[in-house]
Amino acid sequence: MLAISLGASTPLAAQSGFGFTGALGWESVSGGASQVLESGITGEFDMYYLFGHLRTGLGVNVVSYDVDAEGVPPVVQELTKGVSRVTLNLLIGYKFITTGTFQPYLEGRIGFVRFRPEWNYWLSPPEEPGENTSDREKGIQYTLRGGLEIPFAKKWSADVSAVWSKFNITEVTPAAEGLEPFDSGSTFGFLVGTSFYP
C-alpha cells in the first residue's frame, strides 16, 4: 500500500506508541455490484502504531448489506436476507496535526475482502428454506479514508471520517434475469467512533 503524505502548515508534536479505533457507520454501493447490493451498516476496529505523525497497522471491517430484490423471482425474494462483507486491511496513514482541538488525518488501505450471501442469492435459491449453501466471493479492496479526531479526554478522541473504496472479486452471476455478471464495485460511507491511545 502507498502512503499518502501531505505537508501540514501547523507544527507537529512527536508521538509514538499504540492506538486503537472503533467505529460504526453507513455505506452505499455503486458500480456493477449495485445491481444486487444496496446500502448497509458497517463497523470496524483498527489497531496501529504511531511513528510521529505516521501510523501503520491492521484493521477489520464488517458490513451487512440490504439486497435489491427488484426483478428477482418471488421465491428468491422470500429467501433473501442480505449479504455480509468482511475485510482485513493493512493500513498506513498520515496525521496532519497531533495536538490541538481538531486533528485531521488521511489513510490508505489495501485489504483482503470476502462477500458471503446470508442466503444463496448469487446463484440459485436453496432447495429447502433455511438451507445456506452459498459460495463465498473473495478479492482485493483498496480504500481511502479521511477523517478528524477531536480529543475529549487525556487518552480518548472522537473520530469522524468519510471512506471510499474499490473492490475486485471473482465474477458473480446474479440469479435474476436482466442482471449482468459483475466482478467489481465501489463504496462510499461515513464512520463515527472513538480512538484510544494508552
Protein backbone atom coordinates (compact mmCIF):
# COMPACT_ATOMS: atom_id res chain seq x y z
CA MET A 1 0.00 0.00 0.00
CA LEU A 2 1.14 3.51 -0.73
CA ALA A 3 1.06 6.14 1.98
CA ILE A 4 -0.44 9.46 1.02
CA SER A 5 1.61 12.20 2.67
CA LEU A 6 0.76 15.87 2.50
CA GLY A 7 2.54 18.74 4.22
CA ALA A 8 0.92 20.42 7.19
CA SER A 9 1.34 24.08 7.99
CA THR A 10 0.91 23.52 11.72
CA PRO A 11 3.95 22.22 13.65
CA LEU A 12 3.63 18.58 14.67
CA ALA A 13 4.25 17.25 18.13
CA ALA A 14 6.13 13.94 18.17
CA GLN A 15 4.01 10.94 19.13
CA SER A 16 4.76 7.26 19.31
CA GLY A 17 3.02 4.20 20.66
CA PHE A 18 -0.06 2.14 20.01
CA GLY A 19 -3.51 3.40 19.12
CA PHE A 20 -6.93 1.78 18.69
CA THR A 21 -10.06 2.96 16.88
CA GLY A 22 -13.58 1.54 16.89
CA ALA A 23 -16.38 2.96 14.75
CA LEU A 24 -19.85 2.37 13.33
CA GLY A 25 -21.37 3.84 10.19
CA TRP A 26 -23.19 3.52 6.90
CA GLU A 27 -22.11 2.97 3.30
CA SER A 28 -23.62 2.72 -0.18
CA VAL A 29 -22.56 0.66 -3.20
CA SER A 30 -22.05 1.74 -6.81
CA GLY A 31 -20.70 0.05 -9.93
CA GLY A 32 -21.56 -3.47 -11.07
CA ALA A 33 -22.27 -4.76 -7.57
CA SER A 34 -25.02 -2.14 -7.09
CA GLN A 35 -27.31 -4.35 -9.24
CA VAL A 36 -27.59 -6.57 -6.18
CA LEU A 37 -26.26 -4.69 -3.15
CA GLU A 38 -27.85 -1.62 -1.60
CA SER A 39 -26.65 0.39 1.40
CA GLY A 40 -25.51 -1.26 4.61
CA ILE A 41 -24.48 -0.79 8.22
CA THR A 42 -20.73 -1.01 8.78
CA GLY A 43 -18.48 -1.41 11.79
CA GLU A 44 -14.74 -1.67 12.22
CA PHE A 45 -11.85 -1.99 14.64
CA ASP A 46 -8.31 -0.77 13.89
CA MET A 47 -5.06 -1.14 15.81
CA TYR A 48 -1.90 0.67 14.79
CA TYR A 49 1.42 2.06 15.88
CA LEU A 50 2.29 5.77 15.68
CA PHE A 51 5.66 6.94 14.34
CA GLY A 52 5.37 10.69 14.89
CA HIS A 53 2.65 11.79 12.51
CA LEU A 54 2.68 8.48 10.58
CA ARG A 55 0.77 5.40 11.63
CA THR A 56 0.57 1.85 10.30
CA GLY A 57 -1.36 -1.20 11.40
CA LEU A 58 -4.22 -3.60 10.79
CA GLY A 59 -7.99 -3.22 10.72
CA VAL A 60 -11.09 -5.36 10.39
CA ASN A 61 -14.23 -4.01 8.70
CA VAL A 62 -17.63 -5.75 8.63
CA VAL A 63 -20.71 -4.68 6.62
CA SER A 64 -24.24 -6.08 6.39
CA TYR A 65 -25.87 -5.02 3.10
CA ASP A 66 -29.50 -4.98 2.12
CA VAL A 67 -30.22 -6.66 -1.22
CA ASP A 68 -32.05 -5.11 -4.19
CA ALA A 69 -34.85 -7.59 -4.90
CA GLU A 70 -36.38 -5.70 -7.85
CA GLY A 71 -36.87 -8.10 -10.74
CA VAL A 72 -35.87 -11.10 -8.63
CA PRO A 73 -38.19 -14.14 -8.74
CA PRO A 74 -40.57 -14.27 -5.73
CA VAL A 75 -39.02 -17.44 -4.35
CA VAL A 76 -35.64 -15.67 -4.16
CA GLN A 77 -37.19 -12.57 -2.59
CA GLU A 78 -38.61 -14.71 0.19
CA LEU A 79 -35.24 -16.30 0.92
CA THR A 80 -33.00 -13.24 0.57
CA LYS A 81 -31.74 -11.94 3.92
CA GLY A 82 -28.81 -9.80 2.84
CA VAL A 83 -25.10 -10.05 2.10
CA SER A 84 -22.22 -9.69 4.55
CA ARG A 85 -18.74 -8.40 3.74
CA VAL A 86 -15.62 -8.83 5.86
CA THR A 87 -12.35 -7.04 5.03
CA LEU A 88 -8.95 -7.45 6.69
CA ASN A 89 -6.96 -4.27 5.99
CA LEU A 90 -3.33 -3.26 6.07
CA LEU A 91 -3.35 0.49 6.71
CA ILE A 92 -0.91 3.36 6.63
CA GLY A 93 -1.84 6.95 7.35
CA TYR A 94 -0.68 10.48 7.99
CA LYS A 95 -1.95 12.55 10.91
CA PHE A 96 -1.52 16.19 9.93
CA ILE A 97 -1.79 17.64 13.45
CA THR A 98 -1.09 15.63 16.59
CA THR A 99 -2.06 18.31 19.12
CA GLY A 100 -4.96 20.74 19.29
CA THR A 101 -8.73 20.62 19.24
CA PHE A 102 -9.00 19.21 15.71
CA GLN A 103 -6.57 16.60 14.38
CA PRO A 104 -7.18 15.70 10.70
CA TYR A 105 -5.73 12.59 9.07
CA LEU A 106 -5.63 10.75 5.75
CA GLU A 107 -5.28 7.00 5.47
CA GLY A 108 -4.78 4.45 2.68
CA ARG A 109 -5.59 0.75 2.92
CA ILE A 110 -5.32 -2.47 0.98
CA GLY A 111 -7.38 -5.40 2.13
CA PHE A 112 -8.46 -8.97 1.59
CA VAL A 113 -12.25 -8.91 1.15
CA ARG A 114 -14.86 -11.68 1.39
CA PHE A 115 -18.53 -11.38 0.45
CA ARG A 116 -20.94 -14.00 1.67
CA PRO A 117 -24.67 -14.05 0.86
CA GLU A 118 -26.58 -14.69 4.06
CA TRP A 119 -28.74 -16.90 1.86
CA ASN A 120 -27.92 -18.33 -1.56
CA TYR A 121 -28.64 -15.25 -3.65
CA TRP A 122 -25.76 -15.15 -6.15
CA LEU A 123 -26.52 -18.49 -7.74
CA SER A 124 -29.84 -20.29 -7.18
CA PRO A 125 -32.33 -20.43 -4.27
CA PRO A 126 -31.78 -23.15 -1.64
CA GLU A 127 -33.84 -26.29 -2.20
CA GLU A 128 -35.17 -26.09 1.33
CA PRO A 129 -35.94 -22.90 3.29
CA GLY A 130 -33.23 -22.37 5.87
CA GLU A 131 -30.52 -24.14 3.87
CA ASN A 132 -27.45 -21.98 3.28
CA THR A 133 -25.24 -23.39 0.53
CA SER A 134 -23.90 -20.11 -0.88
CA ASP A 135 -20.39 -19.62 -2.19
CA ARG A 136 -18.06 -17.01 -0.75
CA GLU A 137 -16.72 -14.41 -3.17
CA LYS A 138 -13.18 -13.23 -2.38
CA GLY A 139 -10.96 -10.47 -3.70
CA ILE A 140 -8.94 -7.31 -3.04
CA GLN A 141 -10.20 -3.95 -1.80
CA TYR A 142 -8.47 -0.55 -1.96
CA THR A 143 -9.64 2.14 0.44
CA LEU A 144 -9.05 5.83 1.09
CA ARG A 145 -10.20 7.28 4.41
CA GLY A 146 -10.11 10.90 5.51
CA GLY A 147 -11.13 11.91 9.00
CA LEU A 148 -10.92 14.14 12.02
CA GLU A 149 -10.06 13.28 15.61
CA ILE A 150 -11.42 15.54 18.37
CA PRO A 151 -9.82 14.88 21.78
CA PHE A 152 -12.24 14.91 24.72
CA ALA A 153 -10.11 13.23 27.41
CA LYS A 154 -6.41 12.59 28.09
CA LYS A 155 -6.30 9.36 26.06
CA TRP A 156 -9.55 9.49 24.13
CA SER A 157 -10.72 11.22 20.95
CA ALA A 158 -13.96 11.27 18.98
CA ASP A 159 -13.31 10.07 15.42
CA VAL A 160 -15.40 11.13 12.40
CA SER A 161 -14.43 10.04 8.87
CA ALA A 162 -15.52 9.51 5.27
CA VAL A 163 -14.45 6.36 3.42
CA TRP A 164 -14.25 5.47 -0.28
CA SER A 165 -13.25 2.02 -1.55
CA LYS A 166 -12.94 -0.01 -4.73
CA PHE A 167 -13.11 -3.83 -4.73
CA ASN A 168 -12.41 -6.55 -7.28
CA ILE A 169 -13.73 -10.07 -6.74
CA THR A 170 -14.32 -13.28 -8.68
CA GLU A 171 -17.10 -12.87 -11.25
CA VAL A 172 -20.62 -13.15 -9.87
CA THR A 173 -23.67 -14.15 -11.94
CA PRO A 174 -26.89 -12.95 -10.27
CA ALA A 175 -29.86 -15.32 -10.24
CA ALA A 176 -32.35 -12.78 -11.64
CA GLU A 177 -33.00 -12.24 -15.34
CA GLY A 178 -31.79 -8.93 -16.76
CA LEU A 179 -28.87 -8.56 -14.34
CA GLU A 180 -25.35 -8.62 -15.78
CA PRO A 181 -22.43 -10.58 -14.32
CA PHE A 182 -20.06 -8.36 -12.31
CA ASP A 183 -16.65 -8.61 -10.67
CA SER A 184 -16.18 -5.17 -9.11
CA GLY A 185 -17.83 -2.26 -7.35
CA SER A 186 -17.13 0.75 -5.19
CA THR A 187 -18.45 2.05 -1.89
CA PHE A 188 -18.76 5.38 -0.12
CA GLY A 189 -19.69 5.87 3.51
CA PHE A 190 -19.25 7.57 6.87
CA LEU A 191 -17.89 6.33 10.21
CA VAL A 192 -18.27 7.73 13.73
CA GLY A 193 -16.40 6.30 16.70
CA THR A 194 -13.63 6.78 19.25
CA SER A 195 -9.83 6.46 19.27
CA PHE A 196 -7.81 5.41 22.31
CA TYR A 197 -4.09 5.97 22.92
CA PRO A 198 -2.94 4.00 26.01
